[in-house]
Amino acid sequence: MPAAHEPALARLARSKQLSELAALVASSQDSERELLGLRFAARLSFAEMAPLLKRKESAVKMSLYRLLERLERQLEAKDV
């Protein structure tokens, strides 16, 4: 929720960035959306995610970090 004192332009920019992020996530592969959902929506730890995904904990962690880095690069590219 935006702070009441946040300038309107900053709120607009944040809203646009969140919309762009949502579009990037929506266009991601199912397995990538699952990673994001388990980590951020379900708030599971990497140790909890690993058996659900039938992967090693280190592989889950690396996959999520790579995905987050890619999403960040894509967002930055849209800001150019």
N, C-alpha and C. Protein backbone atom coordinates (compact mmCIF):
# COMPACT_ATOMS: atom_id res chain seq x y z
N MET A 1 0.85 -1.18 0.00
CA MET A 1 0.00 0.00 0.00
C MET A 1 0.89 1.24 0.00
N PRO A 2 0.67 2.15 -0.90
CA PRO A 2 1.52 3.33 -0.97
C PRO A 2 1.31 4.23 0.24
N ALA A 3 2.37 4.89 0.63
CA ALA A 3 2.28 5.84 1.74
C ALA A 3 1.50 7.05 1.29
N ALA A 4 0.80 7.66 2.22
CA ALA A 4 -0.04 8.82 1.90
C ALA A 4 0.80 10.00 1.41
N HIS A 5 2.03 10.09 1.88
CA HIS A 5 2.89 11.21 1.50
C HIS A 5 3.68 10.95 0.23
N GLU A 6 3.56 9.77 -0.35
CA GLU A 6 4.30 9.45 -1.58
C GLU A 6 3.75 10.31 -2.72
N PRO A 7 4.63 10.98 -3.44
CA PRO A 7 4.18 11.83 -4.55
C PRO A 7 3.43 11.01 -5.61
N ALA A 8 2.48 11.67 -6.25
CA ALA A 8 1.64 11.00 -7.24
C ALA A 8 2.48 10.42 -8.38
N LEU A 9 3.50 11.12 -8.81
CA LEU A 9 4.36 10.63 -9.89
C LEU A 9 5.09 9.35 -9.49
N ALA A 10 5.54 9.29 -8.25
CA ALA A 10 6.22 8.10 -7.75
C ALA A 10 5.25 6.93 -7.67
N ARG A 11 4.03 7.19 -7.24
CA ARG A 11 3.02 6.12 -7.19
C ARG A 11 2.71 5.60 -8.58
N LEU A 12 2.62 6.50 -9.53
CA LEU A 12 2.34 6.12 -10.91
C LEU A 12 3.48 5.26 -11.47
N ALA A 13 4.70 5.67 -11.22
CA ALA A 13 5.87 4.92 -11.70
C ALA A 13 5.90 3.53 -11.06
N ARG A 14 5.62 3.46 -9.78
CA ARG A 14 5.61 2.17 -9.07
C ARG A 14 4.50 1.29 -9.62
N SER A 15 3.35 1.85 -9.87
CA SER A 15 2.22 1.10 -10.42
C SER A 15 2.57 0.54 -11.80
N LYS A 16 3.22 1.37 -12.62
CA LYS A 16 3.62 0.93 -13.96
C LYS A 16 4.63 -0.21 -13.86
N GLN A 17 5.59 -0.07 -12.95
CA GLN A 17 6.60 -1.11 -12.79
C GLN A 17 5.97 -2.41 -12.30
N LEU A 18 5.02 -2.32 -11.39
CA LEU A 18 4.35 -3.53 -10.91
C LEU A 18 3.53 -4.18 -12.01
N SER A 19 2.91 -3.38 -12.86
CA SER A 19 2.16 -3.92 -14.00
C SER A 19 3.09 -4.63 -14.97
N GLU A 20 4.25 -4.04 -15.22
CA GLU A 20 5.22 -4.66 -16.12
C GLU A 20 5.75 -5.96 -15.53
N LEU A 21 6.00 -5.98 -14.22
CA LEU A 21 6.46 -7.19 -13.56
C LEU A 21 5.39 -8.28 -13.65
N ALA A 22 4.14 -7.91 -13.41
CA ALA A 22 3.05 -8.89 -13.50
C ALA A 22 2.96 -9.49 -14.90
N ALA A 23 3.16 -8.67 -15.92
CA ALA A 23 3.13 -9.16 -17.30
C ALA A 23 4.30 -10.11 -17.56
N LEU A 24 5.47 -9.79 -17.04
CA LEU A 24 6.63 -10.67 -17.21
C LEU A 24 6.41 -12.01 -16.52
N VAL A 25 5.87 -11.97 -15.32
CA VAL A 25 5.59 -13.20 -14.58
C VAL A 25 4.54 -14.02 -15.31
N ALA A 26 3.50 -13.37 -15.82
CA ALA A 26 2.44 -14.08 -16.54
C ALA A 26 2.97 -14.76 -17.80
N SER A 27 3.98 -14.17 -18.41
CA SER A 27 4.54 -14.75 -19.63
C SER A 27 5.65 -15.76 -19.34
N SER A 28 5.98 -15.97 -18.08
CA SER A 28 7.00 -16.93 -17.69
C SER A 28 6.47 -18.35 -17.81
N GLN A 29 7.38 -19.30 -17.80
CA GLN A 29 7.00 -20.70 -17.86
C GLN A 29 6.26 -21.10 -16.59
N ASP A 30 5.44 -22.15 -16.69
CA ASP A 30 4.70 -22.63 -15.53
C ASP A 30 5.62 -22.96 -14.36
N SER A 31 6.74 -23.60 -14.64
CA SER A 31 7.67 -23.98 -13.57
C SER A 31 8.25 -22.75 -12.87
N GLU A 32 8.45 -21.67 -13.62
CA GLU A 32 8.96 -20.44 -13.02
C GLU A 32 7.91 -19.78 -12.15
N ARG A 33 6.67 -19.77 -12.62
CA ARG A 33 5.59 -19.21 -11.80
C ARG A 33 5.39 -20.04 -10.53
N GLU A 34 5.59 -21.36 -10.65
CA GLU A 34 5.48 -22.22 -9.47
C GLU A 34 6.55 -21.87 -8.45
N LEU A 35 7.78 -21.67 -8.91
CA LEU A 35 8.86 -21.26 -8.01
C LEU A 35 8.50 -19.98 -7.26
N LEU A 36 8.05 -18.98 -8.01
CA LEU A 36 7.68 -17.70 -7.40
C LEU A 36 6.53 -17.86 -6.41
N GLY A 37 5.55 -18.65 -6.79
CA GLY A 37 4.40 -18.86 -5.92
C GLY A 37 4.75 -19.55 -4.62
N LEU A 38 5.57 -20.59 -4.71
CA LEU A 38 5.96 -21.31 -3.50
C LEU A 38 6.80 -20.43 -2.58
N ARG A 39 7.69 -19.66 -3.17
CA ARG A 39 8.58 -18.85 -2.33
C ARG A 39 7.90 -17.62 -1.75
N PHE A 40 7.13 -16.90 -2.58
CA PHE A 40 6.60 -15.62 -2.13
C PHE A 40 5.14 -15.66 -1.70
N ALA A 41 4.30 -16.42 -2.37
CA ALA A 41 2.89 -16.50 -1.97
C ALA A 41 2.72 -17.48 -0.81
N ALA A 42 3.32 -18.67 -0.94
CA ALA A 42 3.21 -19.67 0.13
C ALA A 42 4.24 -19.45 1.23
N ARG A 43 5.24 -18.61 0.94
CA ARG A 43 6.29 -18.28 1.91
C ARG A 43 7.05 -19.52 2.41
N LEU A 44 7.31 -20.44 1.49
CA LEU A 44 8.06 -21.64 1.86
C LEU A 44 9.56 -21.37 1.80
N SER A 45 10.30 -22.08 2.63
CA SER A 45 11.75 -22.00 2.58
C SER A 45 12.24 -22.86 1.42
N PHE A 46 13.50 -22.70 1.08
CA PHE A 46 14.07 -23.53 0.01
C PHE A 46 14.03 -25.00 0.41
N ALA A 47 14.26 -25.28 1.69
CA ALA A 47 14.22 -26.66 2.19
C ALA A 47 12.82 -27.25 2.04
N GLU A 48 11.80 -26.44 2.22
CA GLU A 48 10.41 -26.91 2.07
C GLU A 48 10.04 -27.07 0.60
N MET A 49 10.59 -26.21 -0.25
CA MET A 49 10.26 -26.25 -1.67
C MET A 49 10.88 -27.46 -2.37
N ALA A 50 12.10 -27.81 -1.99
CA ALA A 50 12.87 -28.84 -2.68
C ALA A 50 12.12 -30.17 -2.85
N PRO A 51 11.57 -30.75 -1.79
CA PRO A 51 10.87 -32.03 -2.00
C PRO A 51 9.60 -31.88 -2.84
N LEU A 52 8.94 -30.76 -2.74
CA LEU A 52 7.73 -30.54 -3.55
C LEU A 52 8.06 -30.50 -5.04
N LEU A 53 9.24 -29.96 -5.35
CA LEU A 53 9.67 -29.82 -6.74
C LEU A 53 10.53 -30.99 -7.20
N LYS A 54 10.81 -31.92 -6.25
CA LYS A 54 11.65 -33.09 -6.53
C LYS A 54 13.03 -32.66 -7.05
N ARG A 55 13.60 -31.67 -6.38
CA ARG A 55 14.91 -31.14 -6.74
C ARG A 55 15.71 -30.91 -5.48
N LYS A 56 17.01 -30.79 -5.63
CA LYS A 56 17.87 -30.47 -4.49
C LYS A 56 17.62 -29.03 -4.07
N GLU A 57 17.80 -28.78 -2.80
CA GLU A 57 17.60 -27.44 -2.27
C GLU A 57 18.49 -26.42 -2.99
N SER A 58 19.73 -26.77 -3.24
CA SER A 58 20.65 -25.84 -3.91
C SER A 58 20.18 -25.54 -5.33
N ALA A 59 19.59 -26.51 -6.01
CA ALA A 59 19.09 -26.30 -7.38
C ALA A 59 17.88 -25.37 -7.37
N VAL A 60 17.02 -25.53 -6.38
CA VAL A 60 15.84 -24.67 -6.25
C VAL A 60 16.28 -23.23 -6.01
N LYS A 61 17.23 -23.07 -5.09
CA LYS A 61 17.74 -21.74 -4.76
C LYS A 61 18.35 -21.07 -5.99
N MET A 62 19.20 -21.81 -6.71
CA MET A 62 19.86 -21.25 -7.89
C MET A 62 18.84 -20.90 -8.97
N SER A 63 17.84 -21.75 -9.17
CA SER A 63 16.82 -21.48 -10.18
C SER A 63 16.04 -20.22 -9.86
N LEU A 64 15.69 -20.05 -8.59
CA LEU A 64 14.93 -18.87 -8.21
C LEU A 64 15.78 -17.60 -8.36
N TYR A 65 17.03 -17.65 -7.91
CA TYR A 65 17.88 -16.47 -8.02
C TYR A 65 18.12 -16.09 -9.48
N ARG A 66 18.31 -17.09 -10.33
CA ARG A 66 18.49 -16.80 -11.76
C ARG A 66 17.23 -16.20 -12.37
N LEU A 67 16.09 -16.72 -11.97
CA LEU A 67 14.81 -16.19 -12.45
C LEU A 67 14.64 -14.74 -12.01
N LEU A 68 14.91 -14.46 -10.74
CA LEU A 68 14.77 -13.09 -10.24
C LEU A 68 15.73 -12.14 -10.94
N GLU A 69 16.94 -12.59 -11.20
CA GLU A 69 17.90 -11.75 -11.93
C GLU A 69 17.40 -11.47 -13.35
N ARG A 70 16.85 -12.49 -14.01
CA ARG A 70 16.34 -12.29 -15.37
C ARG A 70 15.17 -11.32 -15.38
N LEU A 71 14.26 -11.47 -14.43
CA LEU A 71 13.12 -10.56 -14.35
C LEU A 71 13.59 -9.13 -14.09
N GLU A 72 14.59 -8.98 -13.24
CA GLU A 72 15.13 -7.64 -12.97
C GLU A 72 15.73 -7.03 -14.23
N ARG A 73 16.51 -7.83 -14.98
CA ARG A 73 17.11 -7.32 -16.23
C ARG A 73 16.02 -6.93 -17.22
N GLN A 74 14.97 -7.73 -17.32
CA GLN A 74 13.89 -7.42 -18.25
C GLN A 74 13.16 -6.14 -17.85
N LEU A 75 12.96 -5.95 -16.56
CA LEU A 75 12.33 -4.71 -16.08
C LEU A 75 13.20 -3.50 -16.39
N GLU A 76 14.50 -3.64 -16.15
CA GLU A 76 15.42 -2.53 -16.42
C GLU A 76 15.45 -2.21 -17.90
N ALA A 77 15.37 -3.22 -18.75
CA ALA A 77 15.38 -3.00 -20.20
C ALA A 77 14.14 -2.24 -20.64
N LYS A 78 13.03 -2.45 -19.97
CA LYS A 78 11.79 -1.73 -20.32
C LYS A 78 11.86 -0.27 -19.90
N ASP A 79 12.69 0.05 -18.93
CA ASP A 79 12.83 1.43 -18.45
C ASP A 79 13.67 2.30 -19.36
N VAL A 80 14.36 1.70 -20.31
CA VAL A 80 15.26 2.46 -21.18
C VAL A 80 14.52 3.41 -22.08
